Amino acid sequence: MSSEKSSELKPLNIAILTVSDTRGADEDTSGQFLEDNVVEAGHHLIARRILPDDVYLVRALMSGWIADPDIHAIIITGGTGFHERDSTPEAVAPLLDKTIDGFGEEFRRLSAAEIGTSTIQSRAFGGLANHTVIFCLPGSTGACRTGWNGILSTQLDSRYGPCNFSALALRKPDRPHHRLHEKIGNRGQR
């Protein structure tokens, strides 16, 4: 198996979601950190939203983004703790085809060096759905920095070897929305 990688970045189309009951655009430092780093890395920011901690709102938006052929990767910040309204894992997990168990494990390992055993209160996780790579991070800017610098910057980079998630995300099937709507709309018609 060859570990040669292209020397040229194959940029991904990335969407960022901040899940918070208290942050608006001006207070969303973690979402801004992720946006800045996604763009600086050479990827395309295709969407950025802020939603309250509501499992159904998050799940609805995620379903649309997962189905969108133009979105290769989604990074979510917030809603991964143990507060009563933290519900990002519950919103996203049912949508996944596969989990990326190593992401949460590696995130907590890296975090332990910074916050000690408090890292066990993070429910950071990753997964795949419809060839969309999804990473869920805690809501603090420090946690986003740890996740981006320690994991995401390389795993979303097509040049990183021996493996990364870029090639998988770029194989996402092209299913224009109008074709999907036509197929659904034609059911039940005589």
Protein backbone atom coordinates (compact mmCIF):
# COMPACT_ATOMS: atom_id res chain seq x y z
CA MET A 1 0.00 0.00 0.00
CA SER A 2 1.48 3.32 -1.04
CA SER A 3 1.45 6.28 1.31
CA GLU A 4 2.20 8.80 -1.44
CA LYS A 5 -0.14 11.74 -1.40
CA SER A 6 -0.69 14.55 -3.84
CA SER A 7 1.37 17.66 -3.15
CA GLU A 8 -1.63 19.77 -4.10
CA LEU A 9 -4.53 20.30 -1.69
CA LYS A 10 -7.91 19.09 -2.87
CA PRO A 11 -10.13 21.57 -1.02
CA LEU A 12 -13.30 20.40 0.66
CA ASN A 13 -16.59 22.25 0.95
CA ILE A 14 -17.13 22.57 4.68
CA ALA A 15 -20.15 23.65 6.72
CA ILE A 16 -19.86 24.85 10.33
CA LEU A 17 -22.65 24.69 12.89
CA THR A 18 -22.52 26.28 16.32
CA VAL A 19 -25.02 24.80 18.78
CA SER A 20 -25.69 27.23 21.62
CA ASP A 21 -28.55 28.78 23.54
CA THR A 22 -26.44 31.82 24.47
CA ARG A 23 -24.23 32.73 21.52
CA GLY A 24 -25.10 34.96 18.63
CA ALA A 25 -22.83 35.81 15.70
CA ASP A 26 -20.85 38.36 17.75
CA GLU A 27 -20.20 35.94 20.63
CA ASP A 28 -19.46 32.86 18.52
CA THR A 29 -15.69 32.78 18.97
CA SER A 30 -15.45 29.01 18.49
CA GLY A 31 -17.35 29.10 15.19
CA GLN A 32 -15.21 32.04 14.06
CA PHE A 33 -12.03 30.17 15.00
CA LEU A 34 -13.14 27.19 12.91
CA GLU A 35 -14.15 29.39 9.97
CA ASP A 36 -10.81 31.21 10.00
CA ASN A 37 -8.86 27.95 10.08
CA VAL A 38 -10.97 26.20 7.44
CA VAL A 39 -10.41 29.10 5.02
CA GLU A 40 -6.73 29.49 5.95
CA ALA A 41 -6.20 25.78 5.24
CA GLY A 42 -7.49 26.32 1.69
CA HIS A 43 -10.94 24.76 2.05
CA HIS A 44 -14.23 26.39 1.05
CA LEU A 45 -16.66 27.51 3.75
CA ILE A 46 -19.99 26.70 2.16
CA ALA A 47 -22.32 27.34 5.13
CA ARG A 48 -22.18 28.59 8.70
CA ARG A 49 -25.13 28.58 11.09
CA ILE A 50 -25.93 29.02 14.77
CA LEU A 51 -28.79 27.01 16.27
CA PRO A 52 -30.09 26.66 19.83
CA ASP A 53 -29.58 23.41 21.74
CA ASP A 54 -32.63 21.68 20.26
CA VAL A 55 -32.25 18.11 19.09
CA TYR A 56 -34.87 18.45 16.33
CA LEU A 57 -33.59 21.73 14.90
CA VAL A 58 -30.04 20.37 14.81
CA ARG A 59 -31.16 17.08 13.28
CA ALA A 60 -33.23 18.84 10.61
CA LEU A 61 -30.37 21.09 9.52
CA MET A 62 -27.89 18.22 9.60
CA SER A 63 -30.18 16.05 7.47
CA GLY A 64 -30.25 18.74 4.80
CA TRP A 65 -26.50 19.28 4.90
CA ILE A 66 -25.81 15.53 4.73
CA ALA A 67 -28.06 15.23 1.66
CA ASP A 68 -26.48 18.27 -0.02
CA PRO A 69 -24.01 17.04 -2.67
CA ASP A 70 -22.02 20.26 -2.31
CA ILE A 71 -21.12 19.71 1.37
CA HIS A 72 -18.22 17.32 1.98
CA ALA A 73 -17.59 17.88 5.70
CA ILE A 74 -19.45 19.33 8.67
CA ILE A 75 -17.88 20.63 11.86
CA ILE A 76 -20.20 21.20 14.81
CA THR A 77 -19.15 23.09 17.93
CA GLY A 78 -21.22 22.97 21.10
CA GLY A 79 -23.84 20.80 22.74
CA THR A 80 -21.48 17.91 23.53
CA GLY A 81 -21.35 18.25 27.32
CA PHE A 82 -23.62 17.04 30.10
CA HIS A 83 -25.76 20.09 30.73
CA GLU A 84 -29.48 19.43 30.55
CA ARG A 85 -29.89 20.94 27.06
CA ASP A 86 -26.67 19.57 25.51
CA SER A 87 -28.04 17.35 22.76
CA THR A 88 -25.68 17.38 19.79
CA PRO A 89 -24.78 13.67 20.07
CA GLU A 90 -28.45 12.72 20.37
CA ALA A 91 -29.30 14.87 17.33
CA VAL A 92 -26.51 13.64 15.07
CA ALA A 93 -25.87 10.00 16.02
CA PRO A 94 -29.10 8.62 14.45
CA LEU A 95 -28.08 10.15 11.11
CA LEU A 96 -24.68 8.43 10.91
CA ASP A 97 -23.86 5.48 8.68
CA LYS A 98 -20.61 4.85 10.58
CA THR A 99 -18.91 6.31 13.63
CA ILE A 100 -15.33 7.53 13.74
CA ASP A 101 -14.55 6.20 17.21
CA GLY A 102 -10.91 7.24 17.02
CA PHE A 103 -11.85 10.91 16.75
CA GLY A 104 -13.44 11.12 20.20
CA GLU A 105 -10.69 8.97 21.69
CA GLU A 106 -7.91 11.11 20.23
CA PHE A 107 -9.68 14.36 21.12
CA ARG A 108 -9.98 13.32 24.76
CA ARG A 109 -6.35 12.15 24.81
CA LEU A 110 -5.16 15.52 23.49
CA SER A 111 -7.49 17.40 25.85
CA ALA A 112 -6.20 15.53 28.90
CA ALA A 113 -2.86 17.32 28.52
CA GLU A 114 -4.72 20.65 28.77
CA ILE A 115 -7.61 20.05 31.18
CA GLY A 116 -6.74 16.81 32.96
CA THR A 117 -9.51 14.42 33.87
CA SER A 118 -12.17 17.00 33.01
CA THR A 119 -11.78 15.66 29.47
CA ILE A 120 -14.08 12.74 30.37
CA GLN A 121 -16.97 15.21 30.34
CA SER A 122 -16.53 15.75 26.60
CA ARG A 123 -18.77 13.78 24.29
CA ALA A 124 -16.83 14.85 21.19
CA PHE A 125 -17.37 12.37 18.39
CA GLY A 126 -17.23 11.90 14.64
CA GLY A 127 -18.97 9.93 11.96
CA LEU A 128 -19.83 9.46 8.31
CA ALA A 129 -23.21 9.91 6.66
CA ASN A 130 -23.73 9.83 2.88
CA HIS A 131 -19.97 10.31 2.38
CA THR A 132 -20.15 13.46 4.52
CA VAL A 133 -17.50 13.57 7.24
CA ILE A 134 -18.93 14.97 10.49
CA PHE A 135 -16.98 16.08 13.56
CA CYS A 136 -18.65 17.30 16.77
CA LEU A 137 -16.52 19.37 19.15
CA PRO A 138 -17.20 21.03 22.50
CA GLY A 139 -18.26 24.68 22.37
CA SER A 140 -15.19 26.34 23.87
CA THR A 141 -12.68 28.01 21.58
CA GLY A 142 -9.90 26.11 23.35
CA ALA A 143 -11.56 22.78 22.56
CA CYS A 144 -12.01 23.81 18.92
CA ARG A 145 -8.34 24.79 18.79
CA THR A 146 -7.36 21.39 20.21
CA GLY A 147 -9.61 19.56 17.76
CA TRP A 148 -8.55 21.56 14.72
CA ASN A 149 -4.81 21.70 15.40
CA GLY A 150 -4.51 18.15 16.71
CA ILE A 151 -6.84 16.24 14.37
CA LEU A 152 -9.01 18.05 11.83
CA SER A 153 -6.32 20.08 10.07
CA THR A 154 -4.63 16.87 8.95
CA GLN A 155 -7.62 14.55 8.56
CA LEU A 156 -9.33 17.01 6.18
CA ASP A 157 -6.10 17.57 4.21
CA SER A 158 -5.76 15.46 1.06
CA ARG A 159 -1.96 15.69 1.33
CA TYR A 160 -1.76 14.01 4.75
CA GLY A 161 -0.66 10.39 4.82
CA PRO A 162 -0.89 7.57 5.21
CA CYS A 163 -4.63 8.27 5.33
CA ASN A 164 -7.19 11.04 5.73
CA PHE A 165 -10.91 11.59 5.19
CA SER A 166 -10.56 13.92 2.20
CA ALA A 167 -10.74 11.25 -0.51
CA LEU A 168 -13.83 9.69 1.05
CA ALA A 169 -15.62 13.03 1.32
CA LEU A 170 -14.78 13.94 -2.27
CA ARG A 171 -16.51 10.73 -3.46
CA LYS A 172 -19.88 12.02 -2.27
CA PRO A 173 -22.52 11.13 -4.88
CA ASP A 174 -23.74 14.01 -6.99
CA ARG A 175 -27.47 14.10 -6.39
CA PRO A 176 -28.86 17.46 -7.43
CA HIS A 177 -31.75 18.45 -5.17
CA HIS A 178 -34.16 19.00 -8.05
CA ARG A 179 -33.78 15.37 -9.12
CA LEU A 180 -34.47 14.15 -5.60
CA HIS A 181 -37.55 16.34 -5.35
CA GLU A 182 -38.78 15.14 -8.75
CA LYS A 183 -38.50 11.50 -7.67
CA ILE A 184 -40.22 12.11 -4.37
CA GLY A 185 -42.85 14.33 -5.97
CA ASN A 186 -43.74 11.72 -8.60
CA ARG A 187 -44.56 9.03 -6.05
CA GLY A 188 -48.23 8.53 -5.61
CA GLN A 189 -49.12 10.38 -8.81
CA ARG A 190 -51.15 8.52 -11.38
